[in-house]
Amino acid sequence: MKLKSQEASAQSLEGVGLFITPATGKAPEAGQEFTYELAAPMLGMPAGLCAGRLECAPRPMKVARLERHLKTPELLSAVDGDAVVCVAPPQDPKGGALSGLRAVLLRKGQSMVLATGAWHWIPYPTGSANVLFLVVFRAGTGDDDLHFCDLTDQAEIAQGDKP
């Protein structure tokens, strides 16, 4: 199966999660220390959260396995580079297959919240350097809420057009 990556947006994440990076923002004016704008009024995140540092190494963009969390959404924020995230809507796998599988390009500084139960895998950096992500989800997720799907038809990701 071949997937072509697409820019992260509300449309590319429909049914999978929430794109929370504003397209534009107001910069501080002379004499101001900062500006603040609400990016998303409600993230749907539970109480008792933890944050983690995920560093992803460049590697072939071939997806053989995905994971999901049934007790929490997951926030992914690209800190220092661009990477492709393979995702699919929440569902029970059918014989090692997931419908709606897609590849989403998350650029440096962009963030998304994956819905509870949405399938995903470790991001694939688009360049030759490691890419750092901030990950936020329910505390204890790594201990008691990891569910995997081994794909019967491995997906190969082709990068979409770069702007």
C-alpha atoms as a PDB file:
ATOM      1  CA  MET A   1       0.000   0.000   0.000  1.00  0.00           C
ATOM      2  CA  LYS A   2       1.321   3.470  -0.853  1.00  0.00           C
ATOM      3  CA  LEU A   3       0.435   6.629   1.057  1.00  0.00           C
ATOM      4  CA  LYS A   4       1.271  10.172  -0.057  1.00  0.00           C
ATOM      5  CA  SER A   5       1.831  12.581   2.806  1.00  0.00           C
ATOM      6  CA  GLN A   6      -0.390  15.645   3.011  1.00  0.00           C
ATOM      7  CA  GLU A   7      -0.027  18.881   4.958  1.00  0.00           C
ATOM      8  CA  ALA A   8      -1.456  18.796   8.471  1.00  0.00           C
ATOM      9  CA  SER A   9      -4.804  20.609   8.568  1.00  0.00           C
ATOM     10  CA  ALA A  10      -8.317  20.280   9.974  1.00  0.00           C
ATOM     11  CA  GLN A  11      -9.251  18.447   6.764  1.00  0.00           C
ATOM     12  CA  SER A  12      -6.317  15.988   6.712  1.00  0.00           C
ATOM     13  CA  LEU A  13      -6.986  15.070  10.358  1.00  0.00           C
ATOM     14  CA  GLU A  14     -10.782  14.755  10.029  1.00  0.00           C
ATOM     15  CA  GLY A  15     -11.980  11.704  11.968  1.00  0.00           C
ATOM     16  CA  VAL A  16      -8.524  11.221  13.518  1.00  0.00           C
ATOM     17  CA  GLY A  17      -7.949  14.265  15.691  1.00  0.00           C
ATOM     18  CA  LEU A  18      -7.652  18.011  16.000  1.00  0.00           C
ATOM     19  CA  PHE A  19      -5.136  20.305  14.250  1.00  0.00           C
ATOM     20  CA  ILE A  20      -4.421  23.013  16.805  1.00  0.00           C
ATOM     21  CA  THR A  21      -1.783  25.215  15.189  1.00  0.00           C
ATOM     22  CA  PRO A  22      -3.173  28.636  14.200  1.00  0.00           C
ATOM     23  CA  ALA A  23      -2.426  29.600  10.592  1.00  0.00           C
ATOM     24  CA  THR A  24      -1.442  33.119  11.619  1.00  0.00           C
ATOM     25  CA  GLY A  25      -0.961  35.047  14.804  1.00  0.00           C
ATOM     26  CA  LYS A  26      -0.515  38.600  15.923  1.00  0.00           C
ATOM     27  CA  ALA A  27       3.117  39.447  16.698  1.00  0.00           C
ATOM     28  CA  PRO A  28       3.933  41.614  19.721  1.00  0.00           C
ATOM     29  CA  GLU A  29       3.980  45.313  18.885  1.00  0.00           C
ATOM     30  CA  ALA A  30       6.833  47.591  19.900  1.00  0.00           C
ATOM     31  CA  GLY A  31       6.963  47.718  23.685  1.00  0.00           C
ATOM     32  CA  GLN A  32       4.824  44.582  24.176  1.00  0.00           C
ATOM     33  CA  GLU A  33       6.405  41.502  25.738  1.00  0.00           C
ATOM     34  CA  PHE A  34       4.028  38.967  24.197  1.00  0.00           C
ATOM     35  CA  THR A  35       0.715  38.213  22.519  1.00  0.00           C
ATOM     36  CA  TYR A  36      -1.582  35.312  23.336  1.00  0.00           C
ATOM     37  CA  GLU A  37      -4.304  33.761  21.238  1.00  0.00           C
ATOM     38  CA  LEU A  38      -6.456  30.776  22.064  1.00  0.00           C
ATOM     39  CA  ALA A  39      -5.533  27.999  19.596  1.00  0.00           C
ATOM     40  CA  ALA A  40      -8.228  25.521  20.648  1.00  0.00           C
ATOM     41  CA  PRO A  41     -10.840  26.187  23.340  1.00  0.00           C
ATOM     42  CA  MET A  42     -11.190  22.517  24.337  1.00  0.00           C
ATOM     43  CA  LEU A  43      -8.671  19.758  23.707  1.00  0.00           C
ATOM     44  CA  GLY A  44     -10.651  16.912  25.274  1.00  0.00           C
ATOM     45  CA  MET A  45      -7.670  15.923  27.417  1.00  0.00           C
ATOM     46  CA  PRO A  46      -8.256  14.162  30.763  1.00  0.00           C
ATOM     47  CA  ALA A  47      -6.953  15.306  34.148  1.00  0.00           C
ATOM     48  CA  GLY A  48      -3.736  13.725  35.399  1.00  0.00           C
ATOM     49  CA  LEU A  49      -1.553  14.353  32.353  1.00  0.00           C
ATOM     50  CA  CYS A  50       2.102  13.663  31.710  1.00  0.00           C
ATOM     51  CA  ALA A  51       4.484  15.096  29.127  1.00  0.00           C
ATOM     52  CA  GLY A  52       7.246  13.279  27.347  1.00  0.00           C
ATOM     53  CA  ARG A  53      10.133  13.939  25.015  1.00  0.00           C
ATOM     54  CA  LEU A  54      10.042  11.832  21.841  1.00  0.00           C
ATOM     55  CA  GLU A  55      13.091  11.989  19.579  1.00  0.00           C
ATOM     56  CA  CYS A  56      12.546  10.365  16.188  1.00  0.00           C
ATOM     57  CA  ALA A  57      15.386   9.129  13.986  1.00  0.00           C
ATOM     58  CA  PRO A  58      15.295   9.358  10.178  1.00  0.00           C
ATOM     59  CA  ARG A  59      14.517   5.980   8.604  1.00  0.00           C
ATOM     60  CA  PRO A  60      12.702   4.512   5.599  1.00  0.00           C
ATOM     61  CA  MET A  61       9.053   5.617   5.611  1.00  0.00           C
ATOM     62  CA  LYS A  62       7.585   2.127   5.819  1.00  0.00           C
ATOM     63  CA  VAL A  63       4.803   1.443   8.311  1.00  0.00           C
ATOM     64  CA  ALA A  64       4.236  -2.119   9.495  1.00  0.00           C
ATOM     65  CA  ARG A  65       2.659  -1.397  12.879  1.00  0.00           C
ATOM     66  CA  LEU A  66       0.502   1.259  14.536  1.00  0.00           C
ATOM     67  CA  GLU A  67      -0.525   1.882  18.128  1.00  0.00           C
ATOM     68  CA  ARG A  68      -3.496   3.473  19.865  1.00  0.00           C
ATOM     69  CA  HIS A  69      -4.580   4.488  23.353  1.00  0.00           C
ATOM     70  CA  LEU A  70      -8.137   3.713  24.475  1.00  0.00           C
ATOM     71  CA  LYS A  71      -8.057   5.823  27.660  1.00  0.00           C
ATOM     72  CA  THR A  72      -6.679   9.140  26.389  1.00  0.00           C
ATOM     73  CA  PRO A  73      -6.198  11.479  23.460  1.00  0.00           C
ATOM     74  CA  GLU A  74      -2.557  12.316  22.619  1.00  0.00           C
ATOM     75  CA  LEU A  75      -1.032  15.691  21.831  1.00  0.00           C
ATOM     76  CA  LEU A  76       1.944  15.670  19.436  1.00  0.00           C
ATOM     77  CA  SER A  77       3.939  18.857  18.911  1.00  0.00           C
ATOM     78  CA  ALA A  78       6.855  19.040  16.440  1.00  0.00           C
ATOM     79  CA  VAL A  79       9.535  21.009  18.282  1.00  0.00           C
ATOM     80  CA  ASP A  80      12.514  21.301  15.961  1.00  0.00           C
ATOM     81  CA  GLY A  81      11.774  19.803  12.559  1.00  0.00           C
ATOM     82  CA  ASP A  82       9.261  18.425  10.066  1.00  0.00           C
ATOM     83  CA  ALA A  83       8.018  14.837  10.212  1.00  0.00           C
ATOM     84  CA  VAL A  84       5.316  12.634   8.697  1.00  0.00           C
ATOM     85  CA  VAL A  85       2.891  10.906  11.074  1.00  0.00           C
ATOM     86  CA  CYS A  86       0.925   7.889   9.847  1.00  0.00           C
ATOM     87  CA  VAL A  87      -2.596   7.925  11.352  1.00  0.00           C
ATOM     88  CA  ALA A  88      -5.995   6.235  11.065  1.00  0.00           C
ATOM     89  CA  PRO A  89      -9.382   6.910  12.709  1.00  0.00           C
ATOM     90  CA  PRO A  90     -10.435   5.004  15.842  1.00  0.00           C
ATOM     91  CA  GLN A  91     -11.683   1.522  14.877  1.00  0.00           C
ATOM     92  CA  ASP A  92     -11.144  -2.164  15.505  1.00  0.00           C
ATOM     93  CA  PRO A  93      -8.665  -3.648  13.020  1.00  0.00           C
ATOM     94  CA  LYS A  94     -10.067  -6.096  10.494  1.00  0.00           C
ATOM     95  CA  GLY A  95      -7.552  -8.852   9.789  1.00  0.00           C
ATOM     96  CA  GLY A  96      -4.536  -6.565  10.199  1.00  0.00           C
ATOM     97  CA  ALA A  97      -6.103  -3.765   8.125  1.00  0.00           C
ATOM     98  CA  LEU A  98      -7.213  -0.260   9.110  1.00  0.00           C
ATOM     99  CA  SER A  99      -9.476   1.924   6.984  1.00  0.00           C
ATOM    100  CA  GLY A 100      -8.726   5.610   6.488  1.00  0.00           C
ATOM    101  CA  LEU A 101      -4.972   5.179   6.886  1.00  0.00           C
ATOM    102  CA  ARG A 102      -3.171   8.391   5.897  1.00  0.00           C
ATOM    103  CA  ALA A 103       0.163  10.180   6.235  1.00  0.00           C
ATOM    104  CA  VAL A 104       0.147  13.723   7.634  1.00  0.00           C
ATOM    105  CA  LEU A 105       3.082  16.135   7.439  1.00  0.00           C
ATOM    106  CA  LEU A 106       3.510  17.962  10.736  1.00  0.00           C
ATOM    107  CA  ARG A 107       5.883  20.900  10.358  1.00  0.00           C
ATOM    108  CA  LYS A 108       8.190  22.398  12.978  1.00  0.00           C
ATOM    109  CA  GLY A 109       6.057  24.308  15.490  1.00  0.00           C
ATOM    110  CA  GLN A 110       2.783  22.584  14.529  1.00  0.00           C
ATOM    111  CA  SER A 111       0.703  20.492  16.937  1.00  0.00           C
ATOM    112  CA  MET A 112      -2.210  18.095  16.778  1.00  0.00           C
ATOM    113  CA  VAL A 113      -4.332  16.167  19.239  1.00  0.00           C
ATOM    114  CA  LEU A 114      -5.085  12.581  18.223  1.00  0.00           C
ATOM    115  CA  ALA A 115      -8.549  11.438  19.289  1.00  0.00           C
ATOM    116  CA  THR A 116      -8.877   8.715  21.897  1.00  0.00           C
ATOM    117  CA  GLY A 117      -8.397   5.431  20.040  1.00  0.00           C
ATOM    118  CA  ALA A 118      -6.850   6.998  16.908  1.00  0.00           C
ATOM    119  CA  TRP A 119      -4.115   4.859  15.405  1.00  0.00           C
ATOM    120  CA  HIS A 120      -0.642   6.343  14.898  1.00  0.00           C
ATOM    121  CA  TRP A 121       3.018   5.474  14.704  1.00  0.00           C
ATOM    122  CA  ILE A 122       6.332   7.081  15.552  1.00  0.00           C
ATOM    123  CA  PRO A 123       6.830  10.151  13.300  1.00  0.00           C
ATOM    124  CA  TYR A 124       9.198   9.910  10.329  1.00  0.00           C
ATOM    125  CA  PRO A 125      11.558  12.914   9.961  1.00  0.00           C
ATOM    126  CA  THR A 126      11.543  14.346   6.432  1.00  0.00           C
ATOM    127  CA  GLY A 127      15.228  15.279   6.512  1.00  0.00           C
ATOM    128  CA  SER A 128      18.459  13.681   7.683  1.00  0.00           C
ATOM    129  CA  ALA A 129      18.344  14.934  11.290  1.00  0.00           C
ATOM    130  CA  ASN A 130      16.442  13.603  14.289  1.00  0.00           C
ATOM    131  CA  VAL A 131      13.208  15.460  15.091  1.00  0.00           C
ATOM    132  CA  LEU A 132      12.075  16.200  18.637  1.00  0.00           C
ATOM    133  CA  PHE A 133       8.401  16.003  19.685  1.00  0.00           C
ATOM    134  CA  LEU A 134       6.593  16.991  22.853  1.00  0.00           C
ATOM    135  CA  VAL A 135       4.000  14.322  23.704  1.00  0.00           C
ATOM    136  CA  VAL A 136       1.180  14.855  26.225  1.00  0.00           C
ATOM    137  CA  PHE A 137      -1.321  12.212  27.346  1.00  0.00           C
ATOM    138  CA  ARG A 138      -2.839  10.608  30.454  1.00  0.00           C
ATOM    139  CA  ALA A 139      -0.281   9.691  33.097  1.00  0.00           C
ATOM    140  CA  GLY A 140       0.375   5.940  33.030  1.00  0.00           C
ATOM    141  CA  THR A 141      -0.482   5.505  29.348  1.00  0.00           C
ATOM    142  CA  GLY A 142       2.825   3.795  28.605  1.00  0.00           C
ATOM    143  CA  ASP A 143       2.162   1.294  31.388  1.00  0.00           C
ATOM    144  CA  ASP A 144      -1.461   0.307  30.790  1.00  0.00           C
ATOM    145  CA  ASP A 145      -2.812   1.690  27.517  1.00  0.00           C
ATOM    146  CA  LEU A 146      -0.738   0.554  24.546  1.00  0.00           C
ATOM    147  CA  HIS A 147      -2.628  -1.379  21.857  1.00  0.00           C
ATOM    148  CA  PHE A 148      -0.956  -2.441  18.610  1.00  0.00           C
ATOM    149  CA  CYS A 149      -2.032  -3.412  15.108  1.00  0.00           C
ATOM    150  CA  ASP A 150       0.467  -5.233  12.894  1.00  0.00           C
ATOM    151  CA  LEU A 151      -0.518  -4.372   9.327  1.00  0.00           C
ATOM    152  CA  THR A 152      -0.861  -7.274   6.908  1.00  0.00           C
ATOM    153  CA  ASP A 153      -0.136  -4.838   4.043  1.00  0.00           C
ATOM    154  CA  GLN A 154       2.822  -2.645   5.003  1.00  0.00           C
ATOM    155  CA  ALA A 155       2.343   1.027   4.023  1.00  0.00           C
ATOM    156  CA  GLU A 156       5.058   2.956   2.209  1.00  0.00           C
ATOM    157  CA  ILE A 157       4.898   6.746   2.540  1.00  0.00           C
ATOM    158  CA  ALA A 158       5.820   9.074  -0.309  1.00  0.00           C
ATOM    159  CA  GLN A 159       6.368  12.700   0.655  1.00  0.00           C
ATOM    160  CA  GLY A 160       3.871  15.096  -0.902  1.00  0.00           C
ATOM    161  CA  ASP A 161       4.774  18.333  -2.641  1.00  0.00           C
ATOM    162  CA  LYS A 162       6.768  20.694  -0.459  1.00  0.00           C
ATOM    163  CA  PRO A 163       5.678  24.337  -0.364  1.00  0.00           C
END
